[in-house]
C-alpha atoms as a PDB file:
ATOM      1  CA  MET A   1     -20.997  -6.240 -23.786  1.00  0.00           C
ATOM      2  CA  PRO A   2     -21.299  -5.853 -20.023  1.00  0.00           C
ATOM      3  CA  ARG A   3     -19.327  -3.174 -18.177  1.00  0.00           C
ATOM      4  CA  TYR A   4     -17.085  -4.073 -15.256  1.00  0.00           C
ATOM      5  CA  PHE A   5     -15.378  -1.798 -12.733  1.00  0.00           C
ATOM      6  CA  PHE A   6     -11.886  -2.511 -11.353  1.00  0.00           C
ATOM      7  CA  PRO A   7     -11.170  -0.142  -8.426  1.00  0.00           C
ATOM      8  CA  VAL A   8      -8.331  -0.816  -5.984  1.00  0.00           C
ATOM      9  CA  SER A   9      -8.370   0.584  -2.464  1.00  0.00           C
ATOM     10  CA  GLY A  10      -6.181   0.420   0.606  1.00  0.00           C
ATOM     11  CA  THR A  11      -2.567   1.505   0.831  1.00  0.00           C
ATOM     12  CA  VAL A  12      -2.780   2.523  -2.832  1.00  0.00           C
ATOM     13  CA  ASN A  13      -6.045   3.838  -4.255  1.00  0.00           C
ATOM     14  CA  HIS A  14      -7.041   3.566  -7.894  1.00  0.00           C
ATOM     15  CA  PRO A  15     -10.731   4.378  -8.384  1.00  0.00           C
ATOM     16  CA  ASP A  16     -12.429   3.220 -11.555  1.00  0.00           C
ATOM     17  CA  PRO A  17     -15.506   5.406 -12.108  1.00  0.00           C
ATOM     18  CA  VAL A  18     -15.700   4.587 -15.831  1.00  0.00           C
ATOM     19  CA  GLY A  19     -15.064   0.843 -15.947  1.00  0.00           C
ATOM     20  CA  GLN A  20     -14.672  -1.049 -19.187  1.00  0.00           C
ATOM     21  CA  GLU A  21     -16.705  -3.284 -21.398  1.00  0.00           C
ATOM     22  CA  VAL A  22     -15.559  -6.876 -21.096  1.00  0.00           C
ATOM     23  CA  GLN A  23     -16.855 -10.024 -22.740  1.00  0.00           C
ATOM     24  CA  ASP A  24     -17.719 -11.963 -19.559  1.00  0.00           C
ATOM     25  CA  ASP A  25     -16.793 -12.764 -15.945  1.00  0.00           C
ATOM     26  CA  LEU A  26     -13.851 -14.942 -17.008  1.00  0.00           C
ATOM     27  CA  ALA A  27     -12.349 -12.091 -19.035  1.00  0.00           C
ATOM     28  CA  ALA A  28     -12.938  -9.737 -16.079  1.00  0.00           C
ATOM     29  CA  TRP A  29     -11.067 -12.189 -13.834  1.00  0.00           C
ATOM     30  CA  SER A  30      -8.095 -12.171 -16.198  1.00  0.00           C
ATOM     31  CA  ILE A  31      -8.037  -8.368 -16.353  1.00  0.00           C
ATOM     32  CA  ALA A  32      -8.322  -8.074 -12.564  1.00  0.00           C
ATOM     33  CA  VAL A  33      -5.413 -10.442 -11.908  1.00  0.00           C
ATOM     34  CA  SER A  34      -3.229  -8.806 -14.579  1.00  0.00           C
ATOM     35  CA  SER A  35      -4.076  -5.321 -13.303  1.00  0.00           C
ATOM     36  CA  MET A  36      -3.177  -6.179  -9.710  1.00  0.00           C
ATOM     37  CA  GLY A  37       0.117  -7.654 -10.898  1.00  0.00           C
ATOM     38  CA  GLU A  38       0.877  -4.539 -12.944  1.00  0.00           C
ATOM     39  CA  LEU A  39       0.060  -2.285  -9.997  1.00  0.00           C
ATOM     40  CA  LEU A  40       2.498  -4.197  -7.787  1.00  0.00           C
ATOM     41  CA  ARG A  41       5.177  -4.130 -10.499  1.00  0.00           C
ATOM     42  CA  ASP A  42       4.720  -0.381 -11.009  1.00  0.00           C
ATOM     43  CA  LEU A  43       5.372   0.244  -7.307  1.00  0.00           C
ATOM     44  CA  ASP A  44       8.953  -0.824  -8.146  1.00  0.00           C
ATOM     45  CA  GLY A  45       9.734  -2.113  -4.663  1.00  0.00           C
ATOM     46  CA  HIS A  46       8.189   0.878  -2.889  1.00  0.00           C
ATOM     47  CA  LEU A  47       5.284  -0.960  -1.274  1.00  0.00           C
ATOM     48  CA  PRO A  48       4.891   0.276   2.310  1.00  0.00           C
ATOM     49  CA  VAL A  49       5.337  -2.153   5.188  1.00  0.00           C
ATOM     50  CA  ASP A  50       1.956  -3.500   6.320  1.00  0.00           C
ATOM     51  CA  ALA A  51       0.346  -2.717   2.976  1.00  0.00           C
ATOM     52  CA  ASP A  52      -3.166  -3.870   2.185  1.00  0.00           C
ATOM     53  CA  LEU A  53      -4.716  -3.704  -1.271  1.00  0.00           C
ATOM     54  CA  THR A  54      -8.218  -4.812  -2.193  1.00  0.00           C
ATOM     55  CA  ALA A  55      -9.793  -4.908  -5.619  1.00  0.00           C
ATOM     56  CA  LEU A  56     -13.571  -5.374  -5.668  1.00  0.00           C
ATOM     57  CA  ILE A  57     -14.607  -6.021  -9.241  1.00  0.00           C
ATOM     58  CA  THR A  58     -18.250  -5.170  -9.798  1.00  0.00           C
ATOM     59  CA  ASP A  59     -20.736  -5.315 -12.624  1.00  0.00           C
ATOM     60  CA  GLU A  60     -22.998  -2.504 -13.827  1.00  0.00           C
ATOM     61  CA  MET A  61     -25.510  -3.298 -11.085  1.00  0.00           C
ATOM     62  CA  GLY A  62     -22.846  -2.844  -8.384  1.00  0.00           C
ATOM     63  CA  ARG A  63     -22.683  -6.555  -7.532  1.00  0.00           C
ATOM     64  CA  VAL A  64     -19.253  -7.659  -6.347  1.00  0.00           C
ATOM     65  CA  LEU A  65     -18.139 -10.498  -8.620  1.00  0.00           C
ATOM     66  CA  ILE A  66     -14.456 -10.806  -7.788  1.00  0.00           C
ATOM     67  CA  THR A  67     -12.376  -9.879  -4.759  1.00  0.00           C
ATOM     68  CA  LEU A  68      -8.595  -9.795  -4.932  1.00  0.00           C
ATOM     69  CA  GLN A  69      -6.667  -9.014  -1.769  1.00  0.00           C
ATOM     70  CA  PHE A  70      -2.967  -8.476  -1.320  1.00  0.00           C
ATOM     71  CA  THR A  71      -1.449  -8.092   2.127  1.00  0.00           C
ATOM     72  CA  ALA A  72       2.226  -7.452   2.825  1.00  0.00           C
ATOM     73  CA  ARG A  73       3.728  -7.848   6.278  1.00  0.00           C
ATOM     74  CA  ARG A  74       7.324  -7.564   7.377  1.00  0.00           C
ATOM     75  CA  HIS A  75       8.236  -9.807  10.269  1.00  0.00           C
ATOM     76  CA  THR A  76      11.441  -8.897  12.040  1.00  0.00           C
ATOM     77  CA  GLN A  77      13.408 -11.271  14.196  1.00  0.00           C
ATOM     78  CA  ARG A  78      15.124 -10.222  17.379  1.00  0.00           C
ATOM     79  CA  GLY A  79      18.402 -11.984  17.958  1.00  0.00           C
ATOM     80  CA  PRO A  80      19.699 -15.090  16.197  1.00  0.00           C
ATOM     81  CA  ALA A  81      17.257 -17.408  14.521  1.00  0.00           C
ATOM     82  CA  THR A  82      16.589 -20.588  16.479  1.00  0.00           C
ATOM     83  CA  ARG A  83      14.682 -23.718  15.695  1.00  0.00           C
ATOM     84  CA  ALA A  84      12.307 -25.400  18.082  1.00  0.00           C
ATOM     85  CA  ARG A  85      13.371 -28.911  18.977  1.00  0.00           C
END
């Protein structure tokens, strides 16, 4: 089975120097999406404002096969909210 690597970098860093053997690209996609979701859940609401996370899933040859990006921005309003008319 081919080996895939699932590192996450940015506001939170999780290197993956070992990787894991996965059946194919579709299975790697599923693992990548689940892993990013678990990482966000494990932060338990403590994600910094203006956070950026990027997962670049690569194969054994170092080719990027999947990119997952998560960006969090907090937009504050000054004064009462108004609607354009």
